[in-house]
C-alpha cells in the first residue's frame, strides 16, 4: 500500500514548474503553458505607471503546475505610488471551477498599501482581492467559477508608500482549479481505490483470540 500512497501524494503535488518568460515577451505575443499542460496563457496586455519600472523584461512570469506567478520590482517608497495593470486570457483543456490568488509582500508606515485586485470578465462584478498594510493583511483569496474553459483576467497591482513608508510585492501567484489532466485524475482515483481495498482487507482478517 506504500506505492499507492506515494502515487496519491505525487498526483496531488503535480509536476514541477515548466518555464518562465519576461512580461515584455508575453506582451509581444508570447504564450505560456502551465506545468500540467492543461492551461495556456496568452493575449497579454500591460499598462504601468508611477514607481513601476518601465522595462517590462524585469518582470518574470513563471509557469506553475496549475497557474502562473509574477515577480519583479513592484515597489514604492514614501511619496511614491505605482500601478501595474496586467490583462491576459486563460484557455483550459478542462472546465475551470475555481480561481485562487495569493501575494507575498509588505507595507510599512501610515497609509502604505500593497494590493492586487483581480477581475474575471466572464464573472461580471466578482473579484479576487489580496492586500497588505501596516494595520492588517489578507494575502489570499479564492473565487468559484463556472464559465467554461476560457477566462479573461485583469490584475490591478498597486503599491503606495504613503507619506513616509514603503510598499513591496515580491510575488503574485494565480492558481486555477478543475484544470487537472484526465490521466492525473484517473491515477488519483486508482490510488484511493487501492487504499480503500487494503483497508477493507485489513478489516476482513480474522482477529486473534486470546487463550488463558
C-alpha atoms as a PDB file:
ATOM      1  CA  UNK A   1       0.000   0.000   0.000  1.00  0.00           C
ATOM      2  CA  UNK A   2       3.015   2.293   0.305  1.00  0.00           C
ATOM      3  CA  UNK A   3       3.151   2.519  -3.502  1.00  0.00           C
ATOM      4  CA  UNK A   4      -0.475   3.644  -3.732  1.00  0.00           C
ATOM      5  CA  UNK A   5       0.093   6.254  -1.026  1.00  0.00           C
ATOM      6  CA  UNK A   6       3.145   7.611  -2.821  1.00  0.00           C
ATOM      7  CA  UNK A   7       1.169   7.748  -6.073  1.00  0.00           C
ATOM      8  CA  UNK A   8      -1.578   9.790  -4.446  1.00  0.00           C
ATOM      9  CA  UNK A   9       0.929  12.247  -2.988  1.00  0.00           C
ATOM     10  CA  UNK A  10       2.732  12.637  -6.307  1.00  0.00           C
ATOM     11  CA  UNK A  11      -0.524  13.360  -8.129  1.00  0.00           C
ATOM     12  CA  UNK A  12      -1.604  15.940  -5.581  1.00  0.00           C
ATOM     13  CA  UNK A  13       1.741  17.733  -5.728  1.00  0.00           C
ATOM     14  CA  UNK A  14       1.746  17.777  -9.533  1.00  0.00           C
ATOM     15  CA  UNK A  15       4.711  18.333 -11.870  1.00  0.00           C
ATOM     16  CA  UNK A  16       7.374  20.952 -11.335  1.00  0.00           C
ATOM     17  CA  UNK A  17       7.297  24.438 -12.808  1.00  0.00           C
ATOM     18  CA  UNK A  18       7.518  24.411 -16.610  1.00  0.00           C
ATOM     19  CA  UNK A  19       9.318  27.649 -17.569  1.00  0.00           C
ATOM     20  CA  UNK A  20       9.306  31.430 -17.224  1.00  0.00           C
ATOM     21  CA  UNK A  21       9.083  34.327 -19.679  1.00  0.00           C
ATOM     22  CA  UNK A  22       9.559  38.063 -19.360  1.00  0.00           C
ATOM     23  CA  UNK A  23       6.445  40.212 -19.281  1.00  0.00           C
ATOM     24  CA  UNK A  24       7.832  42.028 -22.326  1.00  0.00           C
ATOM     25  CA  UNK A  25       7.922  38.766 -24.306  1.00  0.00           C
ATOM     26  CA  UNK A  26       4.364  37.891 -23.335  1.00  0.00           C
ATOM     27  CA  UNK A  27       3.055  41.359 -24.201  1.00  0.00           C
ATOM     28  CA  UNK A  28       4.787  40.981 -27.556  1.00  0.00           C
ATOM     29  CA  UNK A  29       2.663  37.945 -28.390  1.00  0.00           C
ATOM     30  CA  UNK A  30       4.283  35.203 -26.312  1.00  0.00           C
ATOM     31  CA  UNK A  31       2.321  32.337 -24.794  1.00  0.00           C
ATOM     32  CA  UNK A  32       2.946  30.457 -21.541  1.00  0.00           C
ATOM     33  CA  UNK A  33       1.671  26.969 -20.717  1.00  0.00           C
ATOM     34  CA  UNK A  34       1.112  25.603 -17.224  1.00  0.00           C
ATOM     35  CA  UNK A  35       3.209  22.738 -15.906  1.00  0.00           C
ATOM     36  CA  UNK A  36       0.330  20.257 -16.101  1.00  0.00           C
ATOM     37  CA  UNK A  37      -0.197  21.085 -19.778  1.00  0.00           C
ATOM     38  CA  UNK A  38      -3.863  21.928 -19.230  1.00  0.00           C
ATOM     39  CA  UNK A  39      -3.680  25.740 -19.244  1.00  0.00           C
ATOM     40  CA  UNK A  40      -2.456  28.264 -21.780  1.00  0.00           C
ATOM     41  CA  UNK A  41      -1.924  31.980 -21.008  1.00  0.00           C
ATOM     42  CA  UNK A  42      -1.971  34.389 -23.947  1.00  0.00           C
ATOM     43  CA  UNK A  43      -3.022  37.838 -25.248  1.00  0.00           C
ATOM     44  CA  UNK A  44      -1.101  39.729 -22.571  1.00  0.00           C
ATOM     45  CA  UNK A  45      -1.577  43.481 -22.290  1.00  0.00           C
ATOM     46  CA  UNK A  46       0.352  45.645 -19.797  1.00  0.00           C
ATOM     47  CA  UNK A  47      -0.011  49.238 -18.578  1.00  0.00           C
ATOM     48  CA  UNK A  48       2.330  50.616 -15.911  1.00  0.00           C
ATOM     49  CA  UNK A  49       2.594  53.959 -14.149  1.00  0.00           C
ATOM     50  CA  UNK A  50       4.337  55.741 -11.295  1.00  0.00           C
ATOM     51  CA  UNK A  51       7.087  53.874  -9.469  1.00  0.00           C
ATOM     52  CA  UNK A  52       6.719  50.694 -11.552  1.00  0.00           C
ATOM     53  CA  UNK A  53       9.761  50.112 -13.770  1.00  0.00           C
ATOM     54  CA  UNK A  54       9.212  50.859 -17.458  1.00  0.00           C
ATOM     55  CA  UNK A  55      11.404  47.925 -18.522  1.00  0.00           C
ATOM     56  CA  UNK A  56       8.948  45.012 -18.633  1.00  0.00           C
ATOM     57  CA  UNK A  57      11.776  42.496 -19.062  1.00  0.00           C
ATOM     58  CA  UNK A  58      12.448  42.981 -15.333  1.00  0.00           C
ATOM     59  CA  UNK A  59       9.157  41.221 -14.575  1.00  0.00           C
ATOM     60  CA  UNK A  60       9.141  37.452 -14.901  1.00  0.00           C
ATOM     61  CA  UNK A  61       6.042  35.331 -15.386  1.00  0.00           C
ATOM     62  CA  UNK A  62       6.634  31.790 -14.184  1.00  0.00           C
ATOM     63  CA  UNK A  63       4.548  28.771 -15.186  1.00  0.00           C
ATOM     64  CA  UNK A  64       3.217  26.811 -12.212  1.00  0.00           C
ATOM     65  CA  UNK A  65       1.650  23.358 -12.284  1.00  0.00           C
ATOM     66  CA  UNK A  66      -1.886  24.811 -12.327  1.00  0.00           C
ATOM     67  CA  UNK A  67      -1.333  28.523 -12.891  1.00  0.00           C
ATOM     68  CA  UNK A  68       1.297  31.253 -13.043  1.00  0.00           C
ATOM     69  CA  UNK A  69       3.360  33.537 -10.822  1.00  0.00           C
ATOM     70  CA  UNK A  70       4.522  37.117 -11.421  1.00  0.00           C
ATOM     71  CA  UNK A  71       7.564  38.593  -9.713  1.00  0.00           C
ATOM     72  CA  UNK A  72       9.734  41.642 -10.261  1.00  0.00           C
ATOM     73  CA  UNK A  73      10.458  45.149  -8.879  1.00  0.00           C
ATOM     74  CA  UNK A  74       6.971  46.110  -7.672  1.00  0.00           C
ATOM     75  CA  UNK A  75       7.911  48.759  -5.101  1.00  0.00           C
ATOM     76  CA  UNK A  76       7.079  52.237  -3.822  1.00  0.00           C
ATOM     77  CA  UNK A  77       8.654  54.350  -1.091  1.00  0.00           C
ATOM     78  CA  UNK A  78       7.372  57.414   0.768  1.00  0.00           C
ATOM     79  CA  UNK A  79       5.640  59.859  -1.545  1.00  0.00           C
ATOM     80  CA  UNK A  80       5.541  57.317  -4.372  1.00  0.00           C
ATOM     81  CA  UNK A  81       2.856  55.084  -5.800  1.00  0.00           C
ATOM     82  CA  UNK A  82       2.836  52.656  -8.687  1.00  0.00           C
ATOM     83  CA  UNK A  83       0.315  50.663 -10.699  1.00  0.00           C
ATOM     84  CA  UNK A  84       0.911  47.619 -12.886  1.00  0.00           C
ATOM     85  CA  UNK A  85      -2.208  46.597 -14.816  1.00  0.00           C
ATOM     86  CA  UNK A  86      -1.911  43.176 -16.496  1.00  0.00           C
ATOM     87  CA  UNK A  87      -4.558  41.544 -18.675  1.00  0.00           C
ATOM     88  CA  UNK A  88      -4.411  38.082 -20.240  1.00  0.00           C
ATOM     89  CA  UNK A  89      -6.533  35.188 -21.478  1.00  0.00           C
ATOM     90  CA  UNK A  90      -6.641  31.751 -19.877  1.00  0.00           C
ATOM     91  CA  UNK A  91      -7.576  28.756 -22.034  1.00  0.00           C
ATOM     92  CA  UNK A  92      -8.069  25.373 -20.361  1.00  0.00           C
ATOM     93  CA  UNK A  93      -8.483  21.880 -21.772  1.00  0.00           C
ATOM     94  CA  UNK A  94     -10.826  21.091 -18.868  1.00  0.00           C
ATOM     95  CA  UNK A  95     -13.721  23.157 -17.412  1.00  0.00           C
ATOM     96  CA  UNK A  96     -12.483  25.553 -14.726  1.00  0.00           C
ATOM     97  CA  UNK A  97     -14.132  25.551 -11.316  1.00  0.00           C
ATOM     98  CA  UNK A  98     -12.081  27.885  -9.100  1.00  0.00           C
ATOM     99  CA  UNK A  99      -9.574  30.735  -9.230  1.00  0.00           C
ATOM    100  CA  UNK A 100      -7.162  31.440  -6.377  1.00  0.00           C
ATOM    101  CA  UNK A 101      -4.954  34.484  -5.830  1.00  0.00           C
ATOM    102  CA  UNK A 102      -2.126  34.948  -3.328  1.00  0.00           C
ATOM    103  CA  UNK A 103       0.578  37.557  -2.791  1.00  0.00           C
ATOM    104  CA  UNK A 104       3.848  37.924  -0.929  1.00  0.00           C
ATOM    105  CA  UNK A 105       4.620  41.478   0.099  1.00  0.00           C
ATOM    106  CA  UNK A 106       4.919  44.049   2.833  1.00  0.00           C
ATOM    107  CA  UNK A 107       3.799  47.578   3.686  1.00  0.00           C
ATOM    108  CA  UNK A 108       5.097  49.768   6.495  1.00  0.00           C
ATOM    109  CA  UNK A 109       4.199  53.294   7.575  1.00  0.00           C
ATOM    110  CA  UNK A 110       0.926  55.167   7.721  1.00  0.00           C
ATOM    111  CA  UNK A 111      -1.227  54.792   4.595  1.00  0.00           C
ATOM    112  CA  UNK A 112       1.223  52.376   2.916  1.00  0.00           C
ATOM    113  CA  UNK A 113      -0.502  49.720   0.827  1.00  0.00           C
ATOM    114  CA  UNK A 114       0.360  46.782  -1.422  1.00  0.00           C
ATOM    115  CA  UNK A 115      -2.591  45.123  -3.136  1.00  0.00           C
ATOM    116  CA  UNK A 116      -3.814  43.075  -6.084  1.00  0.00           C
ATOM    117  CA  UNK A 117      -7.382  43.322  -7.327  1.00  0.00           C
ATOM    118  CA  UNK A 118      -8.356  40.776  -9.937  1.00  0.00           C
ATOM    119  CA  UNK A 119     -11.398  40.764 -12.183  1.00  0.00           C
ATOM    120  CA  UNK A 120     -12.537  37.921 -14.418  1.00  0.00           C
ATOM    121  CA  UNK A 121     -14.540  39.331 -17.299  1.00  0.00           C
ATOM    122  CA  UNK A 122     -16.895  36.383 -17.632  1.00  0.00           C
ATOM    123  CA  UNK A 123     -17.992  36.709 -13.973  1.00  0.00           C
ATOM    124  CA  UNK A 124     -19.294  40.293 -14.027  1.00  0.00           C
ATOM    125  CA  UNK A 125     -18.600  42.176 -10.782  1.00  0.00           C
ATOM    126  CA  UNK A 126     -16.997  39.244  -8.942  1.00  0.00           C
ATOM    127  CA  UNK A 127     -13.402  39.962  -7.890  1.00  0.00           C
ATOM    128  CA  UNK A 128     -10.434  38.480  -6.094  1.00  0.00           C
ATOM    129  CA  UNK A 129      -8.629  40.805  -3.664  1.00  0.00           C
ATOM    130  CA  UNK A 130      -5.425  40.418  -1.640  1.00  0.00           C
ATOM    131  CA  UNK A 131      -3.558  43.152   0.241  1.00  0.00           C
ATOM    132  CA  UNK A 132      -1.156  44.049   2.998  1.00  0.00           C
ATOM    133  CA  UNK A 133      -0.966  47.269   5.038  1.00  0.00           C
ATOM    134  CA  UNK A 134       0.712  48.287   8.290  1.00  0.00           C
ATOM    135  CA  UNK A 135      -2.611  47.640  10.028  1.00  0.00           C
ATOM    136  CA  UNK A 136      -3.584  44.263   8.584  1.00  0.00           C
ATOM    137  CA  UNK A 137      -3.470  41.934   5.643  1.00  0.00           C
ATOM    138  CA  UNK A 138      -5.343  39.447   3.520  1.00  0.00           C
ATOM    139  CA  UNK A 139      -2.763  37.589   1.490  1.00  0.00           C
ATOM    140  CA  UNK A 140      -5.019  35.197  -0.442  1.00  0.00           C
ATOM    141  CA  UNK A 141      -8.488  34.916  -1.916  1.00  0.00           C
ATOM    142  CA  UNK A 142     -10.495  32.333  -3.856  1.00  0.00           C
ATOM    143  CA  UNK A 143     -13.469  32.530  -6.176  1.00  0.00           C
ATOM    144  CA  UNK A 144     -15.757  29.804  -7.525  1.00  0.00           C
ATOM    145  CA  UNK A 145     -16.190  29.974 -11.283  1.00  0.00           C
ATOM    146  CA  UNK A 146     -18.330  28.126 -13.796  1.00  0.00           C
ATOM    147  CA  UNK A 147     -17.680  29.830 -17.083  1.00  0.00           C
ATOM    148  CA  UNK A 148     -16.257  27.053 -19.195  1.00  0.00           C
ATOM    149  CA  UNK A 149     -12.739  26.772 -20.499  1.00  0.00           C
ATOM    150  CA  UNK A 150     -11.803  30.383 -21.334  1.00  0.00           C
ATOM    151  CA  UNK A 151     -11.358  33.323 -18.966  1.00  0.00           C
ATOM    152  CA  UNK A 152     -10.363  36.972 -19.427  1.00  0.00           C
ATOM    153  CA  UNK A 153      -8.284  38.032 -16.409  1.00  0.00           C
ATOM    154  CA  UNK A 154      -7.333  41.581 -15.373  1.00  0.00           C
ATOM    155  CA  UNK A 155      -4.927  42.167 -12.475  1.00  0.00           C
ATOM    156  CA  UNK A 156      -4.573  45.648 -10.966  1.00  0.00           C
ATOM    157  CA  UNK A 157      -1.345  45.585  -8.944  1.00  0.00           C
ATOM    158  CA  UNK A 158      -0.888  48.637  -6.701  1.00  0.00           C
ATOM    159  CA  UNK A 159       1.902  49.740  -4.360  1.00  0.00           C
ATOM    160  CA  UNK A 160       1.675  53.001  -2.394  1.00  0.00           C
ATOM    161  CA  UNK A 161       4.365  54.085   0.062  1.00  0.00           C
ATOM    162  CA  UNK A 162       2.131  56.661   1.752  1.00  0.00           C
ATOM    163  CA  UNK A 163       3.717  59.805   3.110  1.00  0.00           C
ATOM    164  CA  UNK A 164       6.845  58.232   4.574  1.00  0.00           C
ATOM    165  CA  UNK A 165       6.557  54.439   4.384  1.00  0.00           C
ATOM    166  CA  UNK A 166       7.205  51.802   1.770  1.00  0.00           C
ATOM    167  CA  UNK A 167       5.329  49.022  -0.004  1.00  0.00           C
ATOM    168  CA  UNK A 168       6.566  45.965  -1.858  1.00  0.00           C
ATOM    169  CA  UNK A 169       5.095  42.970  -3.680  1.00  0.00           C
ATOM    170  CA  UNK A 170       7.657  40.243  -4.305  1.00  0.00           C
ATOM    171  CA  UNK A 171       5.450  37.527  -5.773  1.00  0.00           C
ATOM    172  CA  UNK A 172       1.889  37.072  -7.057  1.00  0.00           C
ATOM    173  CA  UNK A 173       0.520  33.569  -7.612  1.00  0.00           C
ATOM    174  CA  UNK A 174      -2.545  32.544  -9.582  1.00  0.00           C
ATOM    175  CA  UNK A 175      -3.993  29.021  -9.457  1.00  0.00           C
ATOM    176  CA  UNK A 176      -6.961  27.534 -11.297  1.00  0.00           C
ATOM    177  CA  UNK A 177      -8.914  24.529 -10.000  1.00  0.00           C
ATOM    178  CA  UNK A 178     -10.516  21.977 -12.274  1.00  0.00           C
ATOM    179  CA  UNK A 179      -7.597  22.044 -14.717  1.00  0.00           C
ATOM    180  CA  UNK A 180      -6.176  18.661 -13.698  1.00  0.00           C
ATOM    181  CA  UNK A 181      -5.313  16.321 -16.543  1.00  0.00           C
ATOM    182  CA  UNK A 182      -7.669  13.329 -17.044  1.00  0.00           C
ATOM    183  CA  UNK A 183      -4.712  10.956 -16.602  1.00  0.00           C
ATOM    184  CA  UNK A 184      -3.900  12.536 -13.231  1.00  0.00           C
ATOM    185  CA  UNK A 185      -7.481  12.205 -12.024  1.00  0.00           C
ATOM    186  CA  UNK A 186      -7.533   8.557 -13.094  1.00  0.00           C
ATOM    187  CA  UNK A 187      -4.281   7.845 -11.264  1.00  0.00           C
ATOM    188  CA  UNK A 188      -5.547   9.592  -8.136  1.00  0.00           C
ATOM    189  CA  UNK A 189      -8.792   7.609  -8.171  1.00  0.00           C
ATOM    190  CA  UNK A 190      -6.829   4.389  -8.667  1.00  0.00           C
ATOM    191  CA  UNK A 191      -4.601   5.215  -5.718  1.00  0.00           C
ATOM    192  CA  UNK A 192      -7.577   5.951  -3.484  1.00  0.00           C
ATOM    193  CA  UNK A 193      -9.299   2.743  -4.613  1.00  0.00           C
ATOM    194  CA  UNK A 194      -6.219   0.689  -3.760  1.00  0.00           C
ATOM    195  CA  UNK A 195      -6.030   2.299  -0.343  1.00  0.00           C
ATOM    196  CA  UNK A 196      -9.705   1.510   0.254  1.00  0.00           C
ATOM    197  CA  UNK A 197      -9.238  -2.088  -0.878  1.00  0.00           C
ATOM    198  CA  UNK A 198      -6.347  -2.521   1.510  1.00  0.00           C
ATOM    199  CA  UNK A 199      -8.388  -1.128   4.381  1.00  0.00           C
ATOM    200  CA  UNK A 200     -11.281  -3.492   3.638  1.00  0.00           C
ATOM    201  CA  UNK A 201      -8.930  -6.476   3.506  1.00  0.00           C
ATOM    202  CA  UNK A 202      -7.447  -5.490   6.851  1.00  0.00           C
ATOM    203  CA  UNK A 203     -10.906  -5.240   8.375  1.00  0.00           C
ATOM    204  CA  UNK A 204     -11.868  -8.657   6.975  1.00  0.00           C
ATOM    205  CA  UNK A 205      -8.942 -10.513   8.520  1.00  0.00           C
ATOM    206  CA  UNK A 206      -9.925 -12.768  11.454  1.00  0.00           C
ATOM    207  CA  UNK A 207      -8.827 -11.420  14.781  1.00  0.00           C
ATOM    208  CA  UNK A 208      -6.611 -13.479  17.039  1.00  0.00           C
ATOM    209  CA  UNK A 209      -8.419 -14.881  20.065  1.00  0.00           C
ATOM    210  CA  UNK A 210      -6.588 -14.708  23.353  1.00  0.00           C
ATOM    211  CA  UNK A 211      -6.452 -18.017  25.333  1.00  0.00           C
ATOM    212  CA  UNK A 212      -5.958 -18.318  29.075  1.00  0.00           C
END
